[in-house]
């Protein structure tokens, strides 16, 4: 089913109006004011020419605009050279005032639009559910939030100029109709014929614009992976081959830009000659066939000359907008997808975790692929729970649900007796510390990494030091020339793996949390570093509610309870010694690791 005319021609207006509201109408009205004052000033040229030729200033040839001359005469204003010139000056001064207001208002609108657009994108991305995020295309997110955003801002500039030019064309066409209806209608019919010719070129431009947007998504995806896997690509000699794939995408992108540029150049080159041909043809038809006089159409021609200038600007900016159409449509769809994927949050706050976390028949799936099945679990406060099992057994997904990153598809999760569906999960998650296998280290100082950019006060520096001491990394930080103000480099490149992990643990301890989640937090470390960090973790036992996923079973030996998982289910549960005695799969895992 084809789109409705409103949807087809006003999609962009609806999008920009959603951010700018009445400001679009005000801008359009100011542009009309500029055109109207200019048109009235130009109208005064006709009586002025009559006066210069020695005649009397009259309303002849002004059509329905004759009211201007008649009204001034009725006010007793002498229609001589000086008063006419002064009135003309007043109209153009008024035009200047409107022009200033219009230009300054555009500056304010641009700032308001960009700020609202970026804020809304950040807010919706921040509120995106984890489940929706993991199913998203990271290349598209990266490209849309960075490169595509700039193209949308450029699209807004083009659309703003389209509105301005459209308002001016509307005013001058209206003034031309007021002077000579027949001549104006003939020229308007010619303009419609030009638009029909251009419509196919516009359609091709839109198609190429969407292609560029999709290619940019792919390129950004390749770029993200090149950075993430740089070490592997370099070590295996695949960097050049992978770089060639990126070059191929660049060639495709630039070829599409080249085609759009060719179409834009053709439109730009043909537009004015075609319009002038139509105007000349209408003048000949009016004077030689329909019996009109040139004097009767001179003011209309003056208005059409002005309208022609803005019509050219309108079409040029419209084509510029269409070159950004792919980015604009992509952002519209992206914002709607973010809106559809928002977290469903409750309203009940959780100030502190006091009792237990309980799973009651919980099942969970990604795109109809079951990951967890009928999980029953209770984790009392300040106990240590370990999750073990083969890859794909559901350990990380279970931890994600404990962290409130997703809601169960079936069953319920209760924190201190409150369903997570009713919980304000941000207040619950503020009580959680999360430590992953790959420690999260920001490209900043030790202090900012641990405090998460908290205020740099003496009290907070003491808190950072205490957290570093608990994580057994303060002795190292003290040796740095700048201490806790030392930079750590991109991804913590300036410190070792064990030091990064301890700093990430310190960050969670700085937050004064109740729950510590550790997703294979030590599996990538050497045995000595792992043992040191494990000692730190064991020192925290009984002070925090700890959930850990462990590959090396030596790290879970002292857990209060261990869950053995298989194919999304808990097949055995108990202490280390109990599982050794009663769980064949667990005993086999222990024997394979020989400890």
Protein backbone atom coordinates (compact mmCIF):
# COMPACT_ATOMS: atom_id res chain seq x y z
CA UNK A 1 0.00 0.00 0.00
CA UNK A 2 1.56 3.34 -1.05
CA UNK A 3 2.15 5.92 1.69
CA UNK A 4 -0.44 8.66 2.18
CA UNK A 5 0.41 12.06 0.63
CA UNK A 6 0.85 13.54 4.10
CA UNK A 7 3.25 10.83 5.18
CA UNK A 8 5.12 10.95 1.89
CA UNK A 9 5.67 14.71 1.75
CA UNK A 10 5.63 15.68 5.42
CA UNK A 11 7.69 12.89 7.00
CA UNK A 12 10.64 15.22 7.49
CA UNK A 13 8.42 17.98 8.85
CA UNK A 14 6.91 15.58 11.40
CA UNK A 15 10.38 14.46 12.49
CA UNK A 16 11.79 17.97 12.94
CA UNK A 17 8.53 19.25 14.43
CA UNK A 18 8.80 16.49 17.06
CA UNK A 19 11.95 18.19 18.36
CA UNK A 20 11.25 21.86 17.59
CA UNK A 21 7.44 22.14 17.96
CA UNK A 22 6.18 25.74 17.48
CA UNK A 23 9.68 26.98 16.61
CA UNK A 24 9.28 25.66 13.05
CA UNK A 25 6.10 27.71 12.62
CA UNK A 26 7.74 30.83 14.04
CA UNK A 27 10.71 30.43 11.67
CA UNK A 28 8.37 29.99 8.71
CA UNK A 29 6.38 33.09 9.75
CA UNK A 30 9.56 35.17 10.06
CA UNK A 31 10.61 34.10 6.53
CA UNK A 32 7.20 35.16 5.26
CA UNK A 33 7.70 38.51 6.99
CA UNK A 34 11.04 38.96 5.19
CA UNK A 35 9.45 38.16 1.80
CA UNK A 36 6.40 40.31 2.40
CA UNK A 37 8.41 43.40 3.39
CA UNK A 38 10.70 42.86 0.39
CA UNK A 39 7.70 42.44 -1.93
CA UNK A 40 6.00 45.60 -0.69
CA UNK A 41 9.26 47.49 -1.08
CA UNK A 42 9.61 46.23 -4.67
CA UNK A 43 6.00 47.25 -5.38
CA UNK A 44 6.99 50.86 -4.77
CA UNK A 45 9.33 50.69 -7.81
CA UNK A 46 6.37 50.94 -10.21
CA UNK A 47 5.05 54.32 -8.99
CA UNK A 48 8.68 55.42 -8.56
CA UNK A 49 9.42 54.71 -12.25
CA UNK A 50 6.28 56.60 -13.19
CA UNK A 51 7.46 59.61 -11.19
CA UNK A 52 10.95 59.46 -12.69
CA UNK A 53 9.40 59.47 -16.20
CA UNK A 54 7.62 62.71 -15.28
CA UNK A 55 4.21 61.17 -14.74
CA UNK A 56 2.08 60.92 -11.63
CA UNK A 57 2.58 57.98 -9.30
CA UNK A 58 -0.44 55.70 -9.69
CA UNK A 59 -1.67 52.15 -9.02
CA UNK A 60 -1.58 51.21 -12.71
CA UNK A 61 -0.08 47.76 -13.27
CA UNK A 62 -0.27 46.84 -9.57
CA UNK A 63 -3.37 44.66 -9.78
CA UNK A 64 -4.70 43.86 -6.32
CA UNK A 65 -1.65 45.53 -4.77
CA UNK A 66 -3.12 48.84 -5.82
CA UNK A 67 -4.49 49.08 -2.26
CA UNK A 68 -0.98 50.08 -1.17
CA UNK A 69 -0.86 53.23 -3.29
CA UNK A 70 -4.54 54.00 -2.72
CA UNK A 71 -4.16 53.57 1.03
CA UNK A 72 -1.14 55.89 1.24
CA UNK A 73 -3.00 58.54 -0.78
CA UNK A 74 -6.04 58.15 1.46
CA UNK A 75 -3.80 58.91 4.45
CA UNK A 76 -2.92 62.22 2.83
CA UNK A 77 0.66 61.30 2.04
CA UNK A 78 1.74 63.22 -1.09
CA UNK A 79 2.80 60.77 -3.77
CA UNK A 80 5.92 62.61 -4.83
CA UNK A 81 9.49 61.36 -5.20
CA UNK A 82 10.74 61.89 -1.63
CA UNK A 83 7.78 60.30 0.21
CA UNK A 84 7.84 57.29 -2.16
CA UNK A 85 11.56 56.82 -1.58
CA UNK A 86 11.11 57.14 2.20
CA UNK A 87 8.27 54.60 2.19
CA UNK A 88 10.47 52.23 0.15
CA UNK A 89 13.29 52.67 2.66
CA UNK A 90 10.89 51.93 5.54
CA UNK A 91 9.79 48.68 3.90
CA UNK A 92 13.38 47.56 3.40
CA UNK A 93 14.31 48.56 6.96
CA UNK A 94 11.41 46.40 8.13
CA UNK A 95 12.74 43.63 5.89
CA UNK A 96 16.17 44.02 7.56
CA UNK A 97 14.58 43.73 11.00
CA UNK A 98 12.70 40.57 10.00
CA UNK A 99 15.87 39.19 8.40
CA UNK A 100 17.85 39.70 11.62
CA UNK A 101 15.15 38.01 13.70
CA UNK A 102 14.92 35.14 11.21
CA UNK A 103 18.71 34.59 11.05
CA UNK A 104 19.22 34.78 14.81
CA UNK A 105 16.21 32.52 15.40
CA UNK A 106 17.76 29.95 13.04
CA UNK A 107 20.95 29.98 15.14
CA UNK A 108 18.94 29.37 18.30
CA UNK A 109 16.88 26.65 16.63
CA UNK A 110 19.99 24.83 15.44
CA UNK A 111 21.46 24.79 18.93
CA UNK A 112 18.15 23.65 20.42
CA UNK A 113 17.66 20.92 17.79
CA UNK A 114 21.17 19.46 18.10
CA UNK A 115 21.00 19.46 21.88
CA UNK A 116 17.54 17.83 21.97
CA UNK A 117 18.53 15.27 19.32
CA UNK A 118 21.74 14.22 21.06
CA UNK A 119 20.10 14.18 24.51
CA UNK A 120 17.24 12.01 23.28
CA UNK A 121 19.63 9.59 21.57
CA UNK A 122 21.79 9.31 24.69
CA UNK A 123 18.75 8.90 26.95
CA UNK A 124 17.20 6.18 24.81
CA UNK A 125 20.51 4.38 24.39
CA UNK A 126 21.11 4.57 28.15
CA UNK A 127 17.65 3.15 28.83
CA UNK A 128 17.94 0.41 26.22
CA UNK A 129 17.41 -3.02 27.72
CA UNK A 130 20.43 -5.30 27.83
CA UNK A 131 18.55 -7.96 25.88
CA UNK A 132 17.79 -5.50 23.07
CA UNK A 133 21.39 -4.26 23.12
CA UNK A 134 23.02 -7.68 22.68
CA UNK A 135 20.76 -8.34 19.68
CA UNK A 136 21.69 -4.99 18.08
CA UNK A 137 24.27 -4.28 15.38
CA UNK A 138 27.19 -2.55 17.12
CA UNK A 139 28.39 -1.08 13.82
CA UNK A 140 25.02 0.55 13.26
CA UNK A 141 24.94 1.97 16.79
CA UNK A 142 28.47 3.38 16.40
CA UNK A 143 27.76 4.82 12.96
CA UNK A 144 24.39 6.31 13.89
CA UNK A 145 25.51 7.97 17.12
CA UNK A 146 28.69 9.40 15.56
CA UNK A 147 28.92 9.83 11.78
CA UNK A 148 25.20 9.66 10.97
CA UNK A 149 24.39 12.25 13.63
CA UNK A 150 26.52 14.83 11.81
CA UNK A 151 24.73 14.05 8.54
CA UNK A 152 21.35 14.50 10.24
CA UNK A 153 22.46 17.91 11.56
CA UNK A 154 23.44 18.78 7.97
CA UNK A 155 20.01 17.50 6.86
CA UNK A 156 18.40 19.87 9.36
CA UNK A 157 20.37 22.80 7.91
CA UNK A 158 19.16 21.86 4.42
CA UNK A 159 15.56 21.43 5.62
CA UNK A 160 15.66 24.75 7.43
CA UNK A 161 16.76 26.40 4.17
CA UNK A 162 14.02 24.51 2.31
CA UNK A 163 11.44 26.00 4.69
CA UNK A 164 12.91 29.48 4.32
CA UNK A 165 13.06 29.25 0.54
CA UNK A 166 9.58 27.74 0.41
CA UNK A 167 8.20 30.62 2.46
CA UNK A 168 9.82 33.16 0.14
CA UNK A 169 8.56 31.39 -3.00
CA UNK A 170 5.07 31.30 -1.47
CA UNK A 171 5.12 35.04 -0.73
CA UNK A 172 6.41 36.09 -4.14
CA UNK A 173 4.02 33.77 -5.97
CA UNK A 174 1.14 35.19 -3.92
CA UNK A 175 2.24 38.73 -4.73
CA UNK A 176 2.63 37.82 -8.41
CA UNK A 177 -0.90 36.34 -8.45
CA UNK A 178 -2.18 39.52 -6.85
CA UNK A 179 -0.76 41.52 -9.74
CA UNK A 180 -1.54 39.26 -12.76
CA UNK A 181 -3.41 35.99 -12.21
CA UNK A 182 -3.22 34.65 -15.77
CA UNK A 183 0.51 35.20 -16.22
CA UNK A 184 1.27 33.77 -12.75
CA UNK A 185 -0.76 30.60 -13.34
CA UNK A 186 0.99 29.92 -16.63
CA UNK A 187 4.41 30.23 -15.01
CA UNK A 188 3.27 28.03 -12.10
CA UNK A 189 2.19 25.30 -14.57
CA UNK A 190 5.65 25.47 -16.12
CA UNK A 191 7.24 25.11 -12.68
CA UNK A 192 5.17 21.97 -12.05
CA UNK A 193 6.47 20.53 -15.31
CA UNK A 194 10.05 21.11 -14.12
CA UNK A 195 9.29 19.43 -10.82
CA UNK A 196 7.96 16.34 -12.65
CA UNK A 197 11.25 16.07 -14.54
CA UNK A 198 13.29 16.41 -11.36
CA UNK A 199 11.23 13.91 -9.35
CA UNK A 200 13.00 10.93 -10.97
CA UNK A 201 16.40 12.44 -10.19
CA UNK A 202 15.30 13.02 -6.59
CA UNK A 203 14.17 9.38 -6.32
CA UNK A 204 17.59 8.17 -7.48
CA UNK A 205 19.31 10.47 -4.97
CA UNK A 206 17.20 9.03 -2.12
CA UNK A 207 18.10 5.48 -3.15
CA UNK A 208 21.82 6.27 -3.21
CA UNK A 209 21.55 8.01 0.17
CA UNK A 210 20.10 4.90 1.82
CA UNK A 211 22.85 2.81 0.22
CA UNK A 212 25.53 5.11 1.67
CA UNK A 213 24.00 4.83 5.14
CA UNK A 214 23.96 1.02 5.02
CA UNK A 215 27.54 0.92 3.74
CA UNK A 216 28.61 3.24 6.57
CA UNK A 217 27.05 0.83 9.09
CA UNK A 218 29.15 -1.99 7.64
CA UNK A 219 32.31 0.12 7.60
CA UNK A 220 31.86 1.16 11.23
CA UNK A 221 31.36 -2.50 12.16
CA UNK A 222 34.63 -3.40 10.42
CA UNK A 223 36.37 -0.49 12.17
CA UNK A 224 35.15 -1.56 15.63
CA UNK A 225 36.39 -5.10 15.01
CA UNK A 226 39.74 -3.90 13.66
CA UNK A 227 40.36 -1.99 16.90
CA UNK A 228 39.05 -4.83 19.11
CA UNK A 229 41.03 -7.54 17.32
CA UNK A 230 44.10 -5.48 16.36
CA UNK A 231 46.52 -7.73 18.24
CA UNK A 232 45.20 -10.90 16.59
CA UNK A 233 45.18 -9.38 13.08
CA UNK A 234 48.71 -8.05 13.51
CA UNK A 235 50.11 -11.25 15.00
CA UNK A 236 48.61 -13.44 12.25
CA UNK A 237 49.57 -11.19 9.34
CA UNK A 238 45.90 -10.57 8.45
CA UNK A 239 45.93 -6.82 9.06
CA UNK A 240 46.46 -5.93 5.40
CA UNK A 241 43.81 -8.37 4.16
CA UNK A 242 41.32 -7.02 6.68
CA UNK A 243 42.33 -3.48 5.74
CA UNK A 244 41.56 -4.30 2.10
CA UNK A 245 38.00 -5.25 3.07
CA UNK A 246 37.64 -1.82 4.66
CA UNK A 247 39.10 -0.15 1.56
CA UNK A 248 36.54 -1.95 -0.61
CA UNK A 249 33.74 -0.49 1.51
CA UNK A 250 35.30 2.98 1.27
CA UNK A 251 35.34 2.66 -2.55
CA UNK A 252 31.65 1.66 -2.55
CA UNK A 253 30.74 4.56 -0.27
CA UNK A 254 32.66 7.12 -2.32
CA UNK A 255 31.27 5.76 -5.61
CA UNK A 256 27.76 6.34 -4.26
CA UNK A 257 28.74 9.86 -3.17
CA UNK A 258 30.15 10.41 -6.69
CA UNK A 259 26.85 9.36 -8.30
CA UNK A 260 24.89 11.64 -5.97
CA UNK A 261 27.27 14.48 -6.81
CA UNK A 262 26.73 13.89 -10.53
CA UNK A 263 22.95 14.06 -10.11
CA UNK A 264 23.26 17.18 -7.94
CA UNK A 265 25.47 18.87 -10.55
CA UNK A 266 22.99 18.04 -13.32
CA UNK A 267 20.09 19.45 -11.28
CA UNK A 268 22.09 22.59 -10.47
CA UNK A 269 23.14 23.15 -14.09
CA UNK A 270 19.73 22.56 -15.70
CA UNK A 271 17.51 24.27 -13.16
CA UNK A 272 17.92 27.95 -14.05
CA UNK A 273 17.97 27.56 -17.88
CA UNK A 274 14.77 25.48 -17.73
CA UNK A 275 12.97 27.98 -15.52
CA UNK A 276 14.07 30.91 -17.70
CA UNK A 277 12.91 29.04 -20.84
CA UNK A 278 9.48 28.57 -19.27
CA UNK A 279 9.24 32.22 -18.18
CA UNK A 280 10.29 33.43 -21.65
CA UNK A 281 7.77 31.09 -23.26
CA UNK A 282 4.97 32.36 -21.00
CA UNK A 283 5.89 36.00 -21.74
CA UNK A 284 5.67 35.31 -25.49
CA UNK A 285 2.36 33.45 -25.02
CA UNK A 286 0.93 36.26 -22.87
CA UNK A 287 1.97 39.11 -25.17
CA UNK A 288 1.73 37.57 -28.66
CA UNK A 289 -1.14 35.08 -28.30
CA UNK A 290 -3.31 36.18 -25.39
CA UNK A 291 -3.05 39.89 -26.17
CA UNK A 292 -1.56 41.02 -22.87
CA UNK A 293 0.80 43.96 -22.53
CA UNK A 294 4.33 43.93 -21.21
CA UNK A 295 3.54 46.76 -18.78
CA UNK A 296 0.82 44.59 -17.21
CA UNK A 297 3.28 41.85 -16.35
CA UNK A 298 6.38 43.88 -15.39
CA UNK A 299 5.75 43.75 -11.62
CA UNK A 300 4.84 40.06 -11.87
CA UNK A 301 8.17 39.51 -13.64
CA UNK A 302 9.92 41.34 -10.82
CA UNK A 303 8.28 39.07 -8.27
CA UNK A 304 8.99 36.00 -10.38
CA UNK A 305 12.63 36.97 -10.62
CA UNK A 306 12.76 36.98 -6.81
CA UNK A 307 10.75 33.75 -6.67
CA UNK A 308 13.13 32.18 -9.21
CA UNK A 309 16.11 32.89 -6.96
CA UNK A 310 14.44 31.20 -4.00
CA UNK A 311 13.01 28.40 -6.14
CA UNK A 312 16.55 27.55 -7.21
CA UNK A 313 17.61 27.67 -3.55
CA UNK A 314 14.61 25.52 -2.58
CA UNK A 315 15.42 22.81 -5.14
CA UNK A 316 19.14 22.90 -4.37
CA UNK A 317 18.53 22.50 -0.64
CA UNK A 318 15.88 19.85 -1.25
CA UNK A 319 18.38 17.80 -3.22
CA UNK A 320 20.97 18.34 -0.46
CA UNK A 321 18.38 17.08 2.02
CA UNK A 322 17.79 13.98 -0.11
CA UNK A 323 21.52 13.19 -0.13
CA UNK A 324 21.16 12.97 3.66
CA UNK A 325 17.83 11.12 3.44
CA UNK A 326 19.36 7.74 4.21
CA UNK A 327 20.92 9.11 7.40
CA UNK A 328 17.71 10.88 8.37
CA UNK A 329 15.49 7.83 7.85
CA UNK A 330 18.06 5.63 9.60
CA UNK A 331 18.05 7.90 12.66
CA UNK A 332 14.23 7.99 12.72
CA UNK A 333 14.12 4.19 12.64
CA UNK A 334 16.99 3.94 15.15
CA UNK A 335 15.22 6.19 17.67
CA UNK A 336 12.00 4.20 17.28
CA UNK A 337 13.88 0.92 17.80
CA UNK A 338 15.56 2.33 20.90
CA UNK A 339 12.15 3.43 22.17
CA UNK A 340 10.68 -0.03 21.53
CA UNK A 341 13.62 -1.67 23.30
CA UNK A 342 13.48 0.42 26.46
CA UNK A 343 13.80 -1.25 29.85
CA UNK A 344 10.52 -1.76 31.66
CA UNK A 345 11.32 -0.46 35.11
CA UNK A 346 9.33 -0.50 38.34
CA UNK A 347 8.96 2.29 40.86
CA UNK A 348 9.85 0.73 44.21
CA UNK A 349 13.34 1.87 45.34
CA UNK A 350 15.86 -0.35 47.13
CA UNK A 351 18.07 1.61 49.50
CA UNK A 352 20.05 -1.38 50.79
CA UNK A 353 20.05 -5.16 50.21
CA UNK A 354 18.98 -6.80 53.48
CA UNK A 355 17.65 -10.35 53.05
CA UNK A 356 17.94 -12.51 49.91
CA UNK A 357 17.59 -12.89 46.15
CA UNK A 358 15.13 -15.58 45.10
CA UNK A 359 14.47 -17.18 41.68
CA UNK A 360 11.08 -18.86 41.38
CA UNK A 361 10.73 -21.01 38.24
CA UNK A 362 12.71 -18.61 36.04
CA UNK A 363 13.11 -19.27 32.30
CA UNK A 364 14.83 -17.02 29.77
CA UNK A 365 15.50 -17.06 26.01
CA UNK A 366 17.18 -15.01 23.30
CA UNK A 367 15.14 -14.87 20.07
CA UNK A 368 13.20 -18.02 21.03
CA UNK A 369 16.44 -19.86 21.87
CA UNK A 370 16.08 -21.15 25.47
CA UNK A 371 19.05 -20.27 27.69
CA UNK A 372 17.68 -20.89 31.21
CA UNK A 373 14.95 -23.35 32.18
CA UNK A 374 12.89 -23.42 35.40
CA UNK A 375 15.55 -22.02 37.74
CA UNK A 376 14.77 -22.20 41.47
CA UNK A 377 17.33 -20.50 43.67
CA UNK A 378 17.66 -18.54 46.91
CA UNK A 379 20.77 -16.53 47.77
CA UNK A 380 20.84 -15.18 51.36
CA UNK A 381 22.62 -11.93 52.16
CA UNK A 382 26.42 -12.11 52.71
CA UNK A 383 26.76 -15.63 51.33
CA UNK A 384 29.10 -16.61 48.51
CA UNK A 385 27.55 -18.46 45.56
CA UNK A 386 29.63 -20.01 42.75
CA UNK A 387 28.33 -20.99 39.30
CA UNK A 388 30.19 -23.71 37.41
CA UNK A 389 29.53 -25.62 34.21
CA UNK A 390 30.54 -25.95 30.59
CA UNK A 391 30.45 -23.01 28.17
CA UNK A 392 26.86 -22.39 27.10
CA UNK A 393 25.39 -23.86 30.28
CA UNK A 394 23.73 -20.51 31.19
CA UNK A 395 26.09 -19.26 33.93
CA UNK A 396 26.57 -15.74 32.55
CA UNK A 397 22.88 -15.37 31.71
CA UNK A 398 21.96 -16.36 35.26
CA UNK A 399 24.39 -13.73 36.58
CA UNK A 400 22.90 -11.15 34.18
CA UNK A 401 19.47 -11.83 35.65
CA UNK A 402 20.84 -11.50 39.18
CA UNK A 403 22.29 -8.13 38.10
CA UNK A 404 18.87 -7.01 36.83
CA UNK A 405 20.18 -6.69 33.26
CA UNK A 406 17.12 -8.50 31.94
CA UNK A 407 13.71 -9.67 33.10
CA UNK A 408 12.70 -13.34 33.07
CA UNK A 409 10.43 -14.58 30.28
CA UNK A 410 8.71 -16.87 32.80
CA UNK A 411 8.74 -17.08 36.57
CA UNK A 412 9.78 -14.39 39.02
CA UNK A 413 12.90 -12.92 40.61
CA UNK A 414 12.51 -11.36 44.05
CA UNK A 415 14.95 -9.09 45.88
CA UNK A 416 14.09 -8.79 49.57
CA UNK A 417 10.66 -10.12 48.63
CA UNK A 418 10.06 -7.47 45.95
CA UNK A 419 9.63 -8.59 42.35
CA UNK A 420 12.30 -7.13 40.05
CA UNK A 421 9.43 -6.06 37.77
CA UNK A 422 8.22 -3.71 40.51
CA UNK A 423 11.72 -2.61 41.51
CA UNK A 424 13.42 0.56 40.40
CA UNK A 425 16.36 -1.43 39.10
CA UNK A 426 18.74 1.54 39.04
CA UNK A 427 18.50 1.74 42.85
CA UNK A 428 19.07 -2.03 43.10
CA UNK A 429 21.99 -1.96 40.64
CA UNK A 430 23.63 0.86 42.60
CA UNK A 431 24.14 -1.75 45.34
CA UNK A 432 25.98 -4.08 42.91
CA UNK A 433 29.67 -4.29 42.05
CA UNK A 434 30.43 -6.08 38.76
CA UNK A 435 33.89 -7.47 37.94
CA UNK A 436 34.38 -9.13 34.56
CA UNK A 437 37.08 -11.31 33.01
CA UNK A 438 38.23 -8.32 30.95
CA UNK A 439 38.53 -5.52 33.53
CA UNK A 440 36.89 -2.23 32.62
CA UNK A 441 39.63 0.43 32.69
CA UNK A 442 38.90 3.91 31.36
CA UNK A 443 41.56 6.04 29.69
CA UNK A 444 42.04 8.26 32.74
CA UNK A 445 43.79 8.42 36.11
CA UNK A 446 43.75 5.82 38.88
CA UNK A 447 41.61 8.18 40.99
CA UNK A 448 38.98 8.69 38.30
CA UNK A 449 38.92 4.98 37.45
CA UNK A 450 38.27 3.99 41.06
CA UNK A 451 35.97 6.88 42.04
CA UNK A 452 34.19 6.97 38.65
CA UNK A 453 34.90 10.71 38.35
CA UNK A 454 33.75 11.52 41.87
CA UNK A 455 34.78 14.92 43.24
CA UNK A 456 38.51 15.10 43.95
CA UNK A 457 38.27 15.97 47.63
CA UNK A 458 40.56 14.86 50.52
CA UNK A 459 37.71 12.66 51.84
CA UNK A 460 37.23 10.92 48.49
CA UNK A 461 40.96 10.44 48.02
CA UNK A 462 41.02 8.64 51.37
CA UNK A 463 38.11 6.47 50.23
CA UNK A 464 39.99 5.63 47.02
CA UNK A 465 43.09 4.71 49.03
CA UNK A 466 41.07 2.42 51.32
CA UNK A 467 39.48 0.71 48.29
CA UNK A 468 42.92 0.23 46.70
CA UNK A 469 44.21 -1.23 49.98
CA UNK A 470 41.31 -3.70 50.15
CA UNK A 471 42.09 -4.74 46.58
CA UNK A 472 45.80 -5.14 47.47
CA UNK A 473 46.99 -2.69 44.82
CA UNK A 474 47.77 0.40 46.94
CA UNK A 475 51.43 -0.55 47.32
CA UNK A 476 51.77 -0.50 43.53
CA UNK A 477 49.90 2.80 43.11
CA UNK A 478 52.15 4.41 45.73
CA UNK A 479 55.18 3.67 43.55
CA UNK A 480 53.77 5.56 40.56
CA UNK A 481 55.30 9.06 40.09
CA UNK A 482 51.85 10.68 40.21
CA UNK A 483 50.31 8.22 42.64
CA UNK A 484 46.57 7.92 42.24
CA UNK A 485 46.68 10.79 39.71
CA UNK A 486 48.74 8.64 37.33
CA UNK A 487 47.12 7.96 33.93
CA UNK A 488 46.42 4.33 33.03
CA UNK A 489 46.32 4.73 29.24
CA UNK A 490 43.76 3.41 26.76
CA UNK A 491 42.24 0.23 28.18
CA UNK A 492 44.82 0.30 31.01
CA UNK A 493 47.71 -0.34 28.63
CA UNK A 494 50.21 1.16 31.09
CA UNK A 495 49.58 -1.45 33.81
CA UNK A 496 49.61 -5.25 33.94
CA UNK A 497 46.59 -7.54 33.73
CA UNK A 498 46.63 -8.28 37.45
CA UNK A 499 46.92 -4.59 38.33
CA UNK A 500 44.02 -3.73 36.02
CA UNK A 501 41.89 -6.40 37.66
CA UNK A 502 42.71 -5.16 41.16
CA UNK A 503 41.94 -1.55 40.18
CA UNK A 504 38.57 -2.67 38.77
CA UNK A 505 37.88 -4.51 42.06
CA UNK A 506 38.82 -1.33 43.96
CA UNK A 507 36.24 0.61 41.92
CA UNK A 508 33.47 -1.75 43.05
CA UNK A 509 34.61 -1.57 46.67
CA UNK A 510 34.74 2.25 46.51
CA UNK A 511 31.03 2.27 45.64
CA UNK A 512 30.10 0.81 49.05
CA UNK A 513 28.07 -2.02 47.50
CA UNK A 514 26.22 -4.96 49.06
CA UNK A 515 26.59 -7.46 46.20
CA UNK A 516 29.72 -8.42 44.24
CA UNK A 517 29.32 -10.21 40.90
CA UNK A 518 32.49 -11.77 39.44
CA UNK A 519 32.27 -13.22 35.94
CA UNK A 520 35.46 -15.31 35.58
CA UNK A 521 37.31 -12.39 37.12
CA UNK A 522 40.64 -14.22 37.45
CA UNK A 523 40.64 -16.78 34.63
CA UNK A 524 42.84 -14.70 32.31
CA UNK A 525 45.56 -14.12 34.93
CA UNK A 526 48.69 -16.05 35.79
CA UNK A 527 48.53 -18.41 38.78
CA UNK A 528 50.42 -16.13 41.18
CA UNK A 529 48.32 -13.06 40.40
CA UNK A 530 45.16 -15.15 40.49
CA UNK A 531 46.08 -16.47 43.94
CA UNK A 532 46.71 -12.96 45.26
CA UNK A 533 43.39 -11.66 43.95
CA UNK A 534 41.61 -14.79 45.18
CA UNK A 535 43.00 -14.08 48.67
CA UNK A 536 41.52 -10.58 48.39
CA UNK A 537 38.14 -12.01 47.41
CA UNK A 538 38.16 -14.55 50.23
CA UNK A 539 38.91 -11.73 52.67
CA UNK A 540 35.63 -10.15 51.56
CA UNK A 541 33.64 -13.30 52.27
CA UNK A 542 30.87 -12.68 54.79
CA UNK A 543 31.06 -8.91 54.23
CA UNK A 544 29.38 -8.98 50.82
CA UNK A 545 26.92 -11.16 48.96
CA UNK A 546 29.22 -12.65 46.34
CA UNK A 547 28.26 -14.46 43.11
CA UNK A 548 31.14 -15.77 41.05
CA UNK A 549 31.50 -17.66 37.79
CA UNK A 550 34.66 -19.71 37.85
CA UNK A 551 36.50 -21.68 35.25
CA UNK A 552 39.22 -22.72 37.65
CA UNK A 553 37.51 -24.67 40.38
CA UNK A 554 40.25 -23.82 42.90
CA UNK A 555 38.67 -20.35 43.14
CA UNK A 556 35.30 -21.68 44.35
CA UNK A 557 36.57 -24.12 46.99
CA UNK A 558 35.51 -21.90 49.89
CA UNK A 559 32.15 -20.76 48.46
CA UNK A 560 29.17 -21.33 50.74
CA UNK A 561 27.28 -22.91 47.86
CA UNK A 562 28.13 -24.08 44.35
CA UNK A 563 25.62 -24.56 41.53
CA UNK A 564 26.52 -27.02 38.77
CA UNK A 565 24.78 -25.94 35.55
CA UNK A 566 24.12 -27.85 32.36
CA UNK A 567 22.07 -26.81 29.31
CA UNK A 568 20.39 -23.94 31.19
CA UNK A 569 19.44 -25.98 34.25
CA UNK A 570 20.84 -26.41 37.78
CA UNK A 571 21.66 -30.11 37.98
CA UNK A 572 23.44 -30.15 41.36
CA UNK A 573 23.83 -27.78 44.31
CA UNK A 574 25.92 -27.87 47.48
CA UNK A 575 29.27 -27.10 49.07
CA UNK A 576 32.54 -28.13 47.42
CA UNK A 577 32.91 -31.25 49.58
CA UNK A 578 29.24 -32.23 49.13
CA UNK A 579 29.48 -31.97 45.35
CA UNK A 580 32.71 -34.00 45.28
CA UNK A 581 30.80 -36.77 47.05
CA UNK A 582 27.44 -36.61 45.28
CA UNK A 583 27.91 -34.95 41.89
CA UNK A 584 29.56 -37.03 39.19
CA UNK A 585 29.85 -34.15 36.67
CA UNK A 586 31.43 -31.86 39.30
CA UNK A 587 33.84 -34.55 40.48
CA UNK A 588 34.88 -35.12 36.86
CA UNK A 589 35.53 -31.38 36.36
CA UNK A 590 37.70 -31.33 39.48
CA UNK A 591 39.66 -34.37 38.39
CA UNK A 592 40.29 -32.89 34.93
CA UNK A 593 41.83 -29.80 36.53
CA UNK A 594 44.02 -31.95 38.82
CA UNK A 595 44.03 -30.08 42.07
